[in-house]
Amino acid sequence: MKIVHIFVHGMVQGVFFRANTVSTAKGLGLKGWVRNRRDGSVEIMAEGKQESLIELIEWCKKGGPSSARVEKVDYKWEEHDGKFTDFTAEETV
C-alpha cells in the first residue's frame, strides 16, 4: 500500500473534476480525498495499491472528465499510514 499526493493544473474547477475523481478513486478501491485549491488547481491525496494509484494518476493526465482541460499533473509518493477510511471531496483550501 502507498499514498500519492497529486496536484492537477489547468481548467479543472467548475467542471465536476472533484466528483469524477471521487467516483474514479472509489472504483479503483482507493481511499483519501480531493479538493479545489484557491490557485485554480485540484489537489488529491489517495491511498491504496500502487497499481490503482498509477491508474488514478494516468486518469488525471488524460484530463479527468471530458469538460476539464488538464495542463500539468505533479505527484509525489509517500509512505502508507492507513489514516483514510473512505474517498471524499473536501472544501476548497
C-alpha atoms as a PDB file:
ATOM      1  CA  MET A   1       0.000   0.000   0.000  1.00  0.00           C
ATOM      2  CA  LYS A   2       1.152   3.502  -0.863  1.00  0.00           C
ATOM      3  CA  ILE A   3      -0.024   7.117  -0.821  1.00  0.00           C
ATOM      4  CA  VAL A   4       0.247   9.514  -3.735  1.00  0.00           C
ATOM      5  CA  HIS A   5      -0.173  13.283  -3.420  1.00  0.00           C
ATOM      6  CA  ILE A   6      -1.344  14.757  -6.743  1.00  0.00           C
ATOM      7  CA  PHE A   7      -1.737  18.338  -7.999  1.00  0.00           C
ATOM      8  CA  VAL A   8      -3.705  18.792 -11.224  1.00  0.00           C
ATOM      9  CA  HIS A   9      -3.317  22.122 -13.061  1.00  0.00           C
ATOM     10  CA  GLY A  10      -5.411  23.625 -15.850  1.00  0.00           C
ATOM     11  CA  MET A  11      -9.134  24.208 -16.255  1.00  0.00           C
ATOM     12  CA  VAL A  12     -10.088  21.692 -13.570  1.00  0.00           C
ATOM     13  CA  GLN A  13     -12.510  23.583 -11.330  1.00  0.00           C
ATOM     14  CA  GLY A  14     -16.205  24.025 -12.095  1.00  0.00           C
ATOM     15  CA  VAL A  15     -16.141  21.019 -14.460  1.00  0.00           C
ATOM     16  CA  PHE A  16     -17.049  18.237 -11.987  1.00  0.00           C
ATOM     17  CA  PHE A  17     -13.411  17.171 -11.637  1.00  0.00           C
ATOM     18  CA  ARG A  18     -13.768  16.506  -7.896  1.00  0.00           C
ATOM     19  CA  ALA A  19     -16.972  14.477  -8.298  1.00  0.00           C
ATOM     20  CA  ASN A  20     -15.444  12.413 -11.096  1.00  0.00           C
ATOM     21  CA  THR A  21     -12.278  11.902  -9.068  1.00  0.00           C
ATOM     22  CA  VAL A  22     -14.305  10.551  -6.140  1.00  0.00           C
ATOM     23  CA  SER A  23     -16.124   8.129  -8.441  1.00  0.00           C
ATOM     24  CA  THR A  24     -12.934   7.026 -10.205  1.00  0.00           C
ATOM     25  CA  ALA A  25     -10.967   6.601  -6.971  1.00  0.00           C
ATOM     26  CA  LYS A  26     -13.725   4.596  -5.290  1.00  0.00           C
ATOM     27  CA  GLY A  27     -13.952   2.397  -8.398  1.00  0.00           C
ATOM     28  CA  LEU A  28     -10.225   1.719  -8.037  1.00  0.00           C
ATOM     29  CA  GLY A  29     -10.631   0.835  -4.353  1.00  0.00           C
ATOM     30  CA  LEU A  30      -8.736   3.908  -3.147  1.00  0.00           C
ATOM     31  CA  LYS A  31      -9.197   5.973  -0.006  1.00  0.00           C
ATOM     32  CA  GLY A  32      -8.352   9.636   0.577  1.00  0.00           C
ATOM     33  CA  TRP A  33      -9.678  12.989  -0.584  1.00  0.00           C
ATOM     34  CA  VAL A  34      -9.823  15.543  -3.390  1.00  0.00           C
ATOM     35  CA  ARG A  35     -10.204  19.316  -3.035  1.00  0.00           C
ATOM     36  CA  ASN A  36     -10.038  22.518  -5.031  1.00  0.00           C
ATOM     37  CA  ARG A  37      -7.245  24.962  -4.276  1.00  0.00           C
ATOM     38  CA  ARG A  38      -7.549  28.729  -4.422  1.00  0.00           C
ATOM     39  CA  ASP A  39      -4.908  28.853  -7.172  1.00  0.00           C
ATOM     40  CA  GLY A  40      -7.302  27.003  -9.529  1.00  0.00           C
ATOM     41  CA  SER A  41      -5.670  23.582  -9.231  1.00  0.00           C
ATOM     42  CA  VAL A  42      -7.095  20.397  -7.748  1.00  0.00           C
ATOM     43  CA  GLU A  43      -5.250  18.513  -5.000  1.00  0.00           C
ATOM     44  CA  ILE A  44      -5.667  14.781  -4.435  1.00  0.00           C
ATOM     45  CA  MET A  45      -4.369  12.589  -1.615  1.00  0.00           C
ATOM     46  CA  ALA A  46      -5.002   8.923  -2.403  1.00  0.00           C
ATOM     47  CA  GLU A  47      -4.066   5.729  -0.589  1.00  0.00           C
ATOM     48  CA  GLY A  48      -4.190   2.157  -1.861  1.00  0.00           C
ATOM     49  CA  LYS A  49      -2.444  -0.375  -4.065  1.00  0.00           C
ATOM     50  CA  GLN A  50       0.303   1.162  -6.163  1.00  0.00           C
ATOM     51  CA  GLU A  51      -1.212  -0.200  -9.407  1.00  0.00           C
ATOM     52  CA  SER A  52      -4.533   1.529  -8.639  1.00  0.00           C
ATOM     53  CA  LEU A  53      -2.766   4.767  -7.724  1.00  0.00           C
ATOM     54  CA  ILE A  54      -0.922   4.692 -11.049  1.00  0.00           C
ATOM     55  CA  GLU A  55      -4.281   4.272 -12.806  1.00  0.00           C
ATOM     56  CA  LEU A  56      -5.588   7.358 -10.975  1.00  0.00           C
ATOM     57  CA  ILE A  57      -2.515   9.373 -11.999  1.00  0.00           C
ATOM     58  CA  GLU A  58      -2.992   8.303 -15.640  1.00  0.00           C
ATOM     59  CA  TRP A  59      -6.704   9.211 -15.454  1.00  0.00           C
ATOM     60  CA  CYS A  60      -5.704  12.680 -14.241  1.00  0.00           C
ATOM     61  CA  LYS A  61      -3.106  13.041 -17.019  1.00  0.00           C
ATOM     62  CA  LYS A  62      -5.698  12.121 -19.656  1.00  0.00           C
ATOM     63  CA  GLY A  63      -7.795  15.033 -18.467  1.00  0.00           C
ATOM     64  CA  GLY A  64     -10.259  13.537 -15.994  1.00  0.00           C
ATOM     65  CA  PRO A  65     -13.841  14.371 -17.003  1.00  0.00           C
ATOM     66  CA  SER A  66     -14.427  15.389 -20.635  1.00  0.00           C
ATOM     67  CA  SER A  67     -15.072  19.063 -19.782  1.00  0.00           C
ATOM     68  CA  ALA A  68     -11.721  19.500 -17.977  1.00  0.00           C
ATOM     69  CA  ARG A  69      -8.534  20.741 -19.648  1.00  0.00           C
ATOM     70  CA  VAL A  70      -5.509  19.406 -17.788  1.00  0.00           C
ATOM     71  CA  GLU A  71      -2.246  21.241 -18.464  1.00  0.00           C
ATOM     72  CA  LYS A  72       0.034  19.538 -15.949  1.00  0.00           C
ATOM     73  CA  VAL A  73      -0.047  16.818 -13.277  1.00  0.00           C
ATOM     74  CA  ASP A  74       2.509  16.810 -10.463  1.00  0.00           C
ATOM     75  CA  TYR A  75       2.684  13.990  -7.934  1.00  0.00           C
ATOM     76  CA  LYS A  76       4.860  12.534  -5.231  1.00  0.00           C
ATOM     77  CA  TRP A  77       4.815   9.187  -3.457  1.00  0.00           C
ATOM     78  CA  GLU A  78       4.511   8.978   0.321  1.00  0.00           C
ATOM     79  CA  GLU A  79       4.579   6.173   2.845  1.00  0.00           C
ATOM     80  CA  HIS A  80       1.301   4.442   3.646  1.00  0.00           C
ATOM     81  CA  ASP A  81      -0.105   5.228   7.068  1.00  0.00           C
ATOM     82  CA  GLY A  82      -3.655   3.836   6.913  1.00  0.00           C
ATOM     83  CA  LYS A  83      -5.302   7.067   8.051  1.00  0.00           C
ATOM     84  CA  PHE A  84      -8.081   7.189   5.436  1.00  0.00           C
ATOM     85  CA  THR A  85     -11.367   5.304   5.699  1.00  0.00           C
ATOM     86  CA  ASP A  86     -13.165   6.484   2.525  1.00  0.00           C
ATOM     87  CA  PHE A  87     -12.629   8.729  -0.510  1.00  0.00           C
ATOM     88  CA  THR A  88     -14.285  12.135  -0.166  1.00  0.00           C
ATOM     89  CA  ALA A  89     -14.481  15.602  -1.702  1.00  0.00           C
ATOM     90  CA  GLU A  90     -13.215  18.255   0.701  1.00  0.00           C
ATOM     91  CA  GLU A  91     -13.692  22.021   0.904  1.00  0.00           C
ATOM     92  CA  THR A  92     -11.512  24.446  -1.044  1.00  0.00           C
ATOM     93  CA  VAL A  93      -8.208  25.452   0.566  1.00  0.00           C
END
